[in-house]
């Protein structure tokens, strides 16, 4: 396996892991929306994080992971240019 092929596998693996992280954040954001709408404790003073923070990290992670995963060949071509004129 050439170094450029190994680099492509690493880029795709990182892209896949970032996609999973983004999906987890987006899922947690949707879940948190419903927790904020229907609070389970009756005190009304729940310390729930904002749903926006989940989406602020999840959506860009999904985009970045998708770019890394599906455009890995292009990233490899940028990193391993042909040095001959």
Protein backbone atom coordinates (compact mmCIF):
# COMPACT_ATOMS: atom_id res chain seq x y z
CA UNK A 1 0.00 0.00 0.00
CA UNK A 2 1.40 3.33 -1.06
CA UNK A 3 1.53 6.22 1.40
CA UNK A 4 -1.06 8.16 -0.59
CA UNK A 5 -3.51 5.24 -0.35
CA UNK A 6 -2.92 4.96 3.39
CA UNK A 7 -3.49 8.70 3.74
CA UNK A 8 -6.79 8.32 1.87
CA UNK A 9 -7.89 5.59 4.29
CA UNK A 10 -6.98 7.81 7.25
CA UNK A 11 -8.90 10.77 5.78
CA UNK A 12 -11.99 8.61 5.17
CA UNK A 13 -11.78 7.13 8.68
CA UNK A 14 -11.53 10.56 10.27
CA UNK A 15 -14.41 11.76 8.10
CA UNK A 16 -16.55 8.83 9.19
CA UNK A 17 -15.80 9.44 12.87
CA UNK A 18 -16.60 13.15 12.51
CA UNK A 19 -19.89 12.23 10.80
CA UNK A 20 -20.77 10.00 13.78
CA UNK A 21 -19.90 12.82 16.20
CA UNK A 22 -22.04 15.26 14.22
CA UNK A 23 -24.98 12.86 14.11
CA UNK A 24 -24.69 12.32 17.85
CA UNK A 25 -24.77 16.08 18.48
CA UNK A 26 -27.72 16.65 16.14
CA UNK A 27 -29.63 13.77 17.76
CA UNK A 28 -28.86 15.17 21.23
CA UNK A 29 -30.04 18.60 20.06
CA UNK A 30 -33.39 17.22 18.90
CA UNK A 31 -33.73 15.25 22.11
CA UNK A 32 -32.91 18.35 24.15
CA UNK A 33 -35.58 20.38 22.33
CA UNK A 34 -38.24 18.00 23.62
CA UNK A 35 -36.70 17.97 27.11
CA UNK A 36 -36.90 21.77 27.18
CA UNK A 37 -40.49 21.78 25.94
CA UNK A 38 -41.69 19.09 28.35
CA UNK A 39 -39.62 19.42 31.52
CA UNK A 40 -39.79 16.37 33.76
CA UNK A 41 -39.22 18.17 37.04
CA UNK A 42 -41.95 20.39 38.39
CA UNK A 43 -39.69 23.06 39.84
CA UNK A 44 -39.38 24.87 36.51
CA UNK A 45 -35.74 25.70 37.21
CA UNK A 46 -34.05 22.95 35.24
CA UNK A 47 -30.38 23.27 34.37
CA UNK A 48 -30.72 21.98 30.84
CA UNK A 49 -28.20 23.03 28.21
CA UNK A 50 -29.38 24.98 25.21
CA UNK A 51 -30.30 22.96 22.15
CA UNK A 52 -28.51 25.53 20.02
CA UNK A 53 -25.13 24.45 21.39
CA UNK A 54 -25.71 20.91 20.15
CA UNK A 55 -26.62 22.11 16.67
CA UNK A 56 -23.74 24.62 16.61
CA UNK A 57 -21.28 21.74 16.91
CA UNK A 58 -23.28 19.01 15.17
CA UNK A 59 -24.15 20.62 11.84
CA UNK A 60 -20.62 21.85 11.01
CA UNK A 61 -19.22 18.48 12.08
CA UNK A 62 -21.63 16.74 9.72
CA UNK A 63 -20.59 18.99 6.85
CA UNK A 64 -16.87 18.63 7.54
CA UNK A 65 -17.11 14.87 8.00
CA UNK A 66 -19.09 14.48 4.80
CA UNK A 67 -16.53 16.53 2.87
CA UNK A 68 -13.65 14.48 4.27
CA UNK A 69 -15.41 11.18 3.63
CA UNK A 70 -16.66 11.79 0.11
CA UNK A 71 -13.86 14.03 -1.18
CA UNK A 72 -10.96 12.02 0.22
CA UNK A 73 -9.53 11.40 -3.25
CA UNK A 74 -9.44 15.12 -3.92
CA UNK A 75 -7.76 15.77 -0.54
CA UNK A 76 -5.16 13.08 -1.31
CA UNK A 77 -4.46 14.66 -4.70
CA UNK A 78 -3.90 18.01 -2.98
CA UNK A 79 -1.56 16.48 -0.42
CA UNK A 80 0.37 14.24 -2.84
CA UNK A 81 0.87 16.38 -5.92
CA UNK A 82 2.98 15.14 -8.76
CA UNK A 83 6.30 16.93 -8.23
CA UNK A 84 7.58 16.31 -11.77
CA UNK A 85 7.12 19.27 -14.19
